Amino acid sequence: MSHHVDPSREHFEAFKALPRDTPILMLNLIRLRAEAAYPDGRGGSGMAAYAAYSRDSGPVFHRVGGRIVWRGRPEQVVIGPTDERWDIAFIARYPTAAAFLEMVTDPGYRLAVVHRQAAVDDSRLVRLAELPPSEDFG
């Protein structure tokens, strides 16, 4: 099973090729490690490391205009691979894709991301374009 923690160069280049001046939503699905895996060997749980990531990256996230618009606790996969278990699910909204890029290249964020890398066993990050609300699925 492959684990996805950081974007591949190919995926990140595809992201950057999309329009940067429109609002975006980012679907986040996170599976945490039981024990954090820091390069320097320090201990702690994956949950504690992810909390440190949230704490340290939060000021940059808010400064660029990011906000959490939905979060939930995954309970059961109904359709999909049974090995894709998620501990955290949320949707973040950014005023523009450029704001997201500003965040991930900010020096403070880059320091905080070491906690995310130590905490996360697997993840999915999906860029979504906003659509108007609708009563149906179409």
N, C-alpha and C. Protein backbone atom coordinates (compact mmCIF):
# COMPACT_ATOMS: atom_id res chain seq x y z
N MET A 1 0.85 -1.17 0.00
CA MET A 1 0.00 0.00 0.00
C MET A 1 0.90 1.23 0.00
N SER A 2 0.59 2.18 -0.87
CA SER A 2 1.40 3.39 -0.86
C SER A 2 0.81 4.43 0.08
N HIS A 3 1.69 5.23 0.62
CA HIS A 3 1.29 6.26 1.57
C HIS A 3 1.57 7.62 0.93
N HIS A 4 0.63 8.50 1.06
CA HIS A 4 0.72 9.83 0.47
C HIS A 4 0.71 10.86 1.58
N VAL A 5 1.85 11.52 1.76
CA VAL A 5 1.97 12.52 2.81
C VAL A 5 2.22 13.90 2.21
N ASP A 6 3.11 13.99 1.25
CA ASP A 6 3.43 15.24 0.56
C ASP A 6 3.03 15.13 -0.90
N PRO A 7 2.73 16.27 -1.56
CA PRO A 7 2.36 16.19 -2.98
C PRO A 7 3.56 15.78 -3.83
N SER A 8 3.29 15.00 -4.86
CA SER A 8 4.35 14.70 -5.82
C SER A 8 4.60 15.96 -6.65
N ARG A 9 5.76 16.04 -7.25
CA ARG A 9 6.08 17.19 -8.11
C ARG A 9 5.05 17.30 -9.24
N GLU A 10 4.69 16.17 -9.82
CA GLU A 10 3.72 16.15 -10.93
C GLU A 10 2.37 16.71 -10.49
N HIS A 11 1.87 16.26 -9.34
CA HIS A 11 0.58 16.76 -8.84
C HIS A 11 0.66 18.25 -8.49
N PHE A 12 1.76 18.68 -7.89
CA PHE A 12 1.88 20.08 -7.50
C PHE A 12 1.98 20.98 -8.73
N GLU A 13 2.69 20.53 -9.76
CA GLU A 13 2.77 21.31 -11.01
C GLU A 13 1.40 21.40 -11.67
N ALA A 14 0.62 20.32 -11.65
CA ALA A 14 -0.75 20.35 -12.20
C ALA A 14 -1.62 21.32 -11.42
N PHE A 15 -1.47 21.33 -10.09
CA PHE A 15 -2.21 22.29 -9.26
C PHE A 15 -1.87 23.72 -9.66
N LYS A 16 -0.57 24.00 -9.80
CA LYS A 16 -0.12 25.37 -10.12
C LYS A 16 -0.55 25.79 -11.52
N ALA A 17 -0.82 24.84 -12.41
CA ALA A 17 -1.24 25.17 -13.78
C ALA A 17 -2.71 25.58 -13.85
N LEU A 18 -3.49 25.28 -12.80
CA LEU A 18 -4.90 25.67 -12.77
C LEU A 18 -5.00 27.15 -12.41
N PRO A 19 -6.17 27.77 -12.68
CA PRO A 19 -6.33 29.19 -12.34
C PRO A 19 -6.02 29.46 -10.88
N ARG A 20 -5.35 30.59 -10.64
CA ARG A 20 -4.94 30.94 -9.27
C ARG A 20 -5.79 32.06 -8.67
N ASP A 21 -6.68 32.64 -9.45
CA ASP A 21 -7.41 33.82 -9.00
C ASP A 21 -8.85 33.51 -8.59
N THR A 22 -9.19 32.25 -8.40
CA THR A 22 -10.55 31.88 -8.01
C THR A 22 -10.52 31.22 -6.63
N PRO A 23 -11.63 31.31 -5.89
CA PRO A 23 -11.70 30.61 -4.61
C PRO A 23 -11.58 29.10 -4.83
N ILE A 24 -10.99 28.42 -3.87
CA ILE A 24 -10.91 26.95 -3.93
C ILE A 24 -11.26 26.36 -2.58
N LEU A 25 -11.70 25.12 -2.64
CA LEU A 25 -11.93 24.31 -1.46
C LEU A 25 -10.93 23.17 -1.53
N MET A 26 -10.41 22.77 -0.38
CA MET A 26 -9.46 21.66 -0.33
C MET A 26 -10.02 20.59 0.61
N LEU A 27 -10.37 19.43 0.03
CA LEU A 27 -10.83 18.29 0.81
C LEU A 27 -9.62 17.59 1.39
N ASN A 28 -9.59 17.43 2.69
CA ASN A 28 -8.49 16.80 3.42
C ASN A 28 -8.98 15.52 4.09
N LEU A 29 -8.35 14.41 3.79
CA LEU A 29 -8.59 13.15 4.50
C LEU A 29 -7.26 12.73 5.08
N ILE A 30 -7.22 12.50 6.37
CA ILE A 30 -5.97 12.26 7.09
C ILE A 30 -6.05 10.97 7.90
N ARG A 31 -5.05 10.11 7.72
CA ARG A 31 -4.86 8.96 8.63
C ARG A 31 -3.57 9.22 9.39
N LEU A 32 -3.67 9.19 10.70
CA LEU A 32 -2.52 9.49 11.56
C LEU A 32 -1.75 8.22 11.93
N ARG A 33 -0.48 8.40 12.18
CA ARG A 33 0.34 7.33 12.73
C ARG A 33 0.01 7.21 14.22
N ALA A 34 0.14 6.03 14.76
CA ALA A 34 -0.02 5.87 16.21
C ALA A 34 1.07 6.65 16.93
N GLU A 35 2.30 6.52 16.45
CA GLU A 35 3.44 7.23 17.02
C GLU A 35 4.03 8.14 15.95
N ALA A 36 4.30 9.38 16.31
CA ALA A 36 4.89 10.34 15.37
C ALA A 36 6.26 9.84 14.93
N ALA A 37 6.63 10.19 13.70
CA ALA A 37 7.92 9.77 13.14
C ALA A 37 8.72 11.02 12.77
N TYR A 38 9.29 11.67 13.77
CA TYR A 38 10.12 12.85 13.54
C TYR A 38 11.52 12.42 13.07
N PRO A 39 12.10 13.17 12.14
CA PRO A 39 13.46 12.83 11.69
C PRO A 39 14.49 12.85 12.82
N ASP A 40 14.26 13.69 13.84
CA ASP A 40 15.23 13.77 14.93
C ASP A 40 14.98 12.74 16.03
N GLY A 41 13.97 11.87 15.84
CA GLY A 41 13.73 10.78 16.77
C GLY A 41 12.88 11.12 17.98
N ARG A 42 12.43 12.37 18.12
CA ARG A 42 11.61 12.70 19.29
C ARG A 42 10.31 11.91 19.22
N GLY A 43 9.71 11.69 20.36
CA GLY A 43 8.52 10.86 20.45
C GLY A 43 7.24 11.66 20.44
N GLY A 44 6.18 10.97 20.77
CA GLY A 44 4.85 11.57 20.83
C GLY A 44 3.91 10.84 19.89
N SER A 45 2.65 11.07 20.10
CA SER A 45 1.65 10.42 19.26
C SER A 45 1.48 11.18 17.95
N GLY A 46 0.92 10.49 16.96
CA GLY A 46 0.58 11.15 15.71
C GLY A 46 -0.43 12.27 15.94
N MET A 47 -1.38 12.03 16.83
CA MET A 47 -2.39 13.05 17.13
C MET A 47 -1.74 14.30 17.72
N ALA A 48 -0.79 14.13 18.63
CA ALA A 48 -0.11 15.27 19.23
C ALA A 48 0.72 16.02 18.18
N ALA A 49 1.37 15.29 17.30
CA ALA A 49 2.15 15.94 16.24
C ALA A 49 1.24 16.71 15.29
N TYR A 50 0.06 16.15 14.99
CA TYR A 50 -0.87 16.86 14.10
C TYR A 50 -1.43 18.10 14.80
N ALA A 51 -1.66 18.02 16.08
CA ALA A 51 -2.11 19.19 16.85
C ALA A 51 -1.03 20.28 16.81
N ALA A 52 0.25 19.90 16.89
CA ALA A 52 1.34 20.87 16.80
C ALA A 52 1.37 21.51 15.41
N TYR A 53 1.12 20.72 14.38
CA TYR A 53 1.03 21.25 13.01
C TYR A 53 -0.09 22.28 12.91
N SER A 54 -1.24 21.94 13.44
CA SER A 54 -2.39 22.86 13.41
C SER A 54 -2.07 24.16 14.15
N ARG A 55 -1.50 24.02 15.32
CA ARG A 55 -1.15 25.19 16.13
C ARG A 55 -0.14 26.09 15.42
N ASP A 56 0.91 25.49 14.86
CA ASP A 56 2.00 26.27 14.28
C ASP A 56 1.68 26.80 12.88
N SER A 57 0.85 26.08 12.13
CA SER A 57 0.50 26.55 10.78
C SER A 57 -0.74 27.44 10.77
N GLY A 58 -1.52 27.39 11.84
CA GLY A 58 -2.77 28.15 11.92
C GLY A 58 -2.64 29.63 11.64
N PRO A 59 -1.66 30.32 12.22
CA PRO A 59 -1.54 31.76 11.94
C PRO A 59 -1.32 32.07 10.46
N VAL A 60 -0.55 31.25 9.76
CA VAL A 60 -0.32 31.46 8.33
C VAL A 60 -1.61 31.17 7.56
N PHE A 61 -2.28 30.06 7.89
CA PHE A 61 -3.55 29.68 7.28
C PHE A 61 -4.56 30.82 7.37
N HIS A 62 -4.70 31.39 8.55
CA HIS A 62 -5.66 32.49 8.74
C HIS A 62 -5.20 33.78 8.06
N ARG A 63 -3.90 34.04 8.08
CA ARG A 63 -3.38 35.26 7.45
C ARG A 63 -3.67 35.29 5.95
N VAL A 64 -3.60 34.14 5.27
CA VAL A 64 -3.87 34.12 3.82
C VAL A 64 -5.36 34.05 3.52
N GLY A 65 -6.19 34.01 4.55
CA GLY A 65 -7.65 34.00 4.35
C GLY A 65 -8.27 32.63 4.37
N GLY A 66 -7.52 31.61 4.80
CA GLY A 66 -8.07 30.27 4.87
C GLY A 66 -9.03 30.12 6.04
N ARG A 67 -10.01 29.25 5.87
CA ARG A 67 -10.92 28.92 6.96
C ARG A 67 -11.48 27.53 6.75
N ILE A 68 -11.79 26.87 7.83
CA ILE A 68 -12.40 25.54 7.77
C ILE A 68 -13.90 25.75 7.59
N VAL A 69 -14.48 25.16 6.53
CA VAL A 69 -15.91 25.33 6.27
C VAL A 69 -16.71 24.07 6.62
N TRP A 70 -16.02 22.95 6.81
CA TRP A 70 -16.68 21.72 7.21
C TRP A 70 -15.64 20.79 7.81
N ARG A 71 -16.02 20.08 8.85
CA ARG A 71 -15.18 19.02 9.38
C ARG A 71 -16.06 17.93 9.94
N GLY A 72 -15.55 16.72 9.89
CA GLY A 72 -16.31 15.58 10.38
C GLY A 72 -15.38 14.48 10.83
N ARG A 73 -15.95 13.51 11.51
CA ARG A 73 -15.18 12.36 11.99
C ARG A 73 -15.58 11.17 11.13
N PRO A 74 -14.69 10.68 10.28
CA PRO A 74 -15.02 9.52 9.45
C PRO A 74 -15.38 8.32 10.33
N GLU A 75 -16.45 7.63 9.94
CA GLU A 75 -16.90 6.49 10.74
C GLU A 75 -16.82 5.16 9.98
N GLN A 76 -17.15 5.15 8.70
CA GLN A 76 -17.20 3.89 7.97
C GLN A 76 -17.13 4.16 6.47
N VAL A 77 -16.24 3.48 5.76
CA VAL A 77 -16.22 3.54 4.31
C VAL A 77 -17.41 2.73 3.80
N VAL A 78 -18.25 3.35 2.99
CA VAL A 78 -19.41 2.67 2.42
C VAL A 78 -19.11 2.24 0.98
N ILE A 79 -18.42 3.09 0.24
CA ILE A 79 -17.96 2.76 -1.11
C ILE A 79 -16.48 3.12 -1.17
N GLY A 80 -15.65 2.19 -1.52
CA GLY A 80 -14.23 2.46 -1.64
C GLY A 80 -13.40 1.39 -0.98
N PRO A 81 -12.09 1.52 -1.09
CA PRO A 81 -11.19 0.52 -0.52
C PRO A 81 -11.35 0.43 1.00
N THR A 82 -11.39 -0.79 1.49
CA THR A 82 -11.58 -0.99 2.93
C THR A 82 -10.35 -0.62 3.73
N ASP A 83 -9.18 -0.52 3.07
CA ASP A 83 -7.97 -0.15 3.80
C ASP A 83 -7.80 1.37 3.91
N GLU A 84 -8.71 2.12 3.33
CA GLU A 84 -8.64 3.58 3.45
C GLU A 84 -9.46 4.03 4.66
N ARG A 85 -8.83 3.98 5.80
CA ARG A 85 -9.43 4.43 7.06
C ARG A 85 -8.90 5.83 7.32
N TRP A 86 -9.79 6.74 7.69
CA TRP A 86 -9.39 8.13 7.93
C TRP A 86 -9.72 8.52 9.36
N ASP A 87 -8.81 9.28 9.98
CA ASP A 87 -9.01 9.77 11.34
C ASP A 87 -9.60 11.18 11.36
N ILE A 88 -9.27 11.96 10.34
CA ILE A 88 -9.67 13.37 10.28
C ILE A 88 -10.17 13.66 8.88
N ALA A 89 -11.26 14.40 8.76
CA ALA A 89 -11.76 14.86 7.46
C ALA A 89 -12.21 16.30 7.62
N PHE A 90 -11.78 17.16 6.69
CA PHE A 90 -12.26 18.54 6.71
C PHE A 90 -12.12 19.16 5.33
N ILE A 91 -12.86 20.25 5.15
CA ILE A 91 -12.75 21.04 3.93
C ILE A 91 -12.31 22.44 4.34
N ALA A 92 -11.21 22.88 3.75
CA ALA A 92 -10.70 24.24 3.96
C ALA A 92 -11.04 25.06 2.73
N ARG A 93 -11.40 26.32 2.95
CA ARG A 93 -11.68 27.24 1.85
C ARG A 93 -10.60 28.32 1.85
N TYR A 94 -10.11 28.62 0.65
CA TYR A 94 -9.13 29.68 0.46
C TYR A 94 -9.72 30.70 -0.49
N PRO A 95 -9.46 32.00 -0.28
CA PRO A 95 -10.06 33.02 -1.16
C PRO A 95 -9.58 32.89 -2.60
N THR A 96 -8.38 32.34 -2.79
CA THR A 96 -7.85 32.06 -4.12
C THR A 96 -6.86 30.90 -4.02
N ALA A 97 -6.61 30.28 -5.15
CA ALA A 97 -5.57 29.25 -5.17
C ALA A 97 -4.21 29.87 -4.86
N ALA A 98 -4.03 31.13 -5.26
CA ALA A 98 -2.77 31.83 -4.97
C ALA A 98 -2.57 31.93 -3.46
N ALA A 99 -3.64 32.10 -2.69
CA ALA A 99 -3.52 32.17 -1.23
C ALA A 99 -3.02 30.84 -0.67
N PHE A 100 -3.51 29.73 -1.21
CA PHE A 100 -3.02 28.41 -0.79
C PHE A 100 -1.52 28.29 -1.09
N LEU A 101 -1.12 28.70 -2.30
CA LEU A 101 0.30 28.63 -2.68
C LEU A 101 1.15 29.54 -1.78
N GLU A 102 0.60 30.71 -1.43
CA GLU A 102 1.32 31.60 -0.52
C GLU A 102 1.53 30.91 0.83
N MET A 103 0.50 30.21 1.29
CA MET A 103 0.61 29.53 2.58
C MET A 103 1.69 28.46 2.55
N VAL A 104 1.65 27.57 1.55
CA VAL A 104 2.57 26.42 1.57
C VAL A 104 4.01 26.81 1.28
N THR A 105 4.24 28.03 0.80
CA THR A 105 5.61 28.49 0.57
C THR A 105 6.09 29.45 1.66
N ASP A 106 5.22 29.80 2.60
CA ASP A 106 5.58 30.69 3.70
C ASP A 106 6.63 30.01 4.60
N PRO A 107 7.69 30.72 5.01
CA PRO A 107 8.72 30.11 5.86
C PRO A 107 8.17 29.55 7.18
N GLY A 108 7.21 30.23 7.78
CA GLY A 108 6.62 29.73 9.02
C GLY A 108 5.85 28.44 8.81
N TYR A 109 5.13 28.37 7.69
CA TYR A 109 4.40 27.14 7.37
C TYR A 109 5.38 26.00 7.12
N ARG A 110 6.45 26.28 6.41
CA ARG A 110 7.43 25.24 6.09
C ARG A 110 8.07 24.68 7.36
N LEU A 111 8.19 25.49 8.40
CA LEU A 111 8.68 24.98 9.69
C LEU A 111 7.61 24.10 10.35
N ALA A 112 6.34 24.49 10.22
CA ALA A 112 5.25 23.75 10.86
C ALA A 112 5.00 22.40 10.19
N VAL A 113 5.26 22.32 8.88
CA VAL A 113 4.89 21.12 8.14
C VAL A 113 5.68 19.88 8.60
N VAL A 114 6.80 20.07 9.30
CA VAL A 114 7.53 18.92 9.82
C VAL A 114 6.65 18.12 10.79
N HIS A 115 5.77 18.80 11.52
CA HIS A 115 4.84 18.11 12.42
C HIS A 115 3.83 17.29 11.62
N ARG A 116 3.34 17.85 10.52
CA ARG A 116 2.41 17.11 9.66
C ARG A 116 3.08 15.87 9.10
N GLN A 117 4.29 16.02 8.62
CA GLN A 117 5.01 14.88 8.05
C GLN A 117 5.26 13.80 9.10
N ALA A 118 5.51 14.19 10.33
CA ALA A 118 5.72 13.23 11.41
C ALA A 118 4.41 12.55 11.81
N ALA A 119 3.30 13.26 11.70
CA ALA A 119 2.01 12.78 12.18
C ALA A 119 1.28 11.88 11.20
N VAL A 120 1.37 12.19 9.91
CA VAL A 120 0.48 11.59 8.91
C VAL A 120 1.06 10.29 8.35
N ASP A 121 0.22 9.25 8.40
CA ASP A 121 0.56 7.98 7.79
C ASP A 121 0.12 7.95 6.32
N ASP A 122 -1.03 8.55 6.03
CA ASP A 122 -1.56 8.60 4.67
C ASP A 122 -2.56 9.75 4.61
N SER A 123 -2.73 10.31 3.43
CA SER A 123 -3.67 11.42 3.30
C SER A 123 -4.13 11.56 1.86
N ARG A 124 -5.20 12.31 1.70
CA ARG A 124 -5.69 12.74 0.40
C ARG A 124 -5.95 14.23 0.52
N LEU A 125 -5.54 14.97 -0.49
CA LEU A 125 -5.79 16.40 -0.56
C LEU A 125 -6.31 16.66 -1.96
N VAL A 126 -7.57 17.08 -2.06
CA VAL A 126 -8.23 17.24 -3.35
C VAL A 126 -8.70 18.67 -3.51
N ARG A 127 -8.22 19.34 -4.56
CA ARG A 127 -8.69 20.68 -4.86
C ARG A 127 -10.07 20.58 -5.49
N LEU A 128 -10.98 21.42 -4.99
CA LEU A 128 -12.36 21.46 -5.49
C LEU A 128 -12.69 22.88 -5.94
N ALA A 129 -13.38 22.99 -7.05
CA ALA A 129 -13.92 24.28 -7.48
C ALA A 129 -15.29 24.45 -6.84
N GLU A 130 -15.58 25.66 -6.40
CA GLU A 130 -16.90 25.92 -5.82
C GLU A 130 -17.97 25.90 -6.92
N LEU A 131 -19.10 25.31 -6.58
CA LEU A 131 -20.28 25.33 -7.45
C LEU A 131 -21.42 25.91 -6.64
N PRO A 132 -22.42 26.46 -7.30
CA PRO A 132 -23.56 26.99 -6.54
C PRO A 132 -24.32 25.85 -5.83
N PRO A 133 -24.93 26.17 -4.68
CA PRO A 133 -25.71 25.16 -3.97
C PRO A 133 -26.82 24.62 -4.87
N SER A 134 -27.18 23.36 -4.64
CA SER A 134 -28.21 22.71 -5.44
C SER A 134 -28.96 21.73 -4.57
N GLU A 135 -30.19 21.44 -4.94
CA GLU A 135 -31.00 20.46 -4.21
C GLU A 135 -30.78 19.05 -4.72
N ASP A 136 -30.09 18.89 -5.86
CA ASP A 136 -29.87 17.56 -6.40
C ASP A 136 -28.39 17.26 -6.54
N PHE A 137 -28.07 16.11 -7.04
CA PHE A 137 -26.68 15.66 -7.14
C PHE A 137 -26.00 16.13 -8.41
N GLY A 138 -26.73 16.58 -9.38
CA GLY A 138 -26.19 16.89 -10.72
C GLY A 138 -25.45 18.15 -10.86
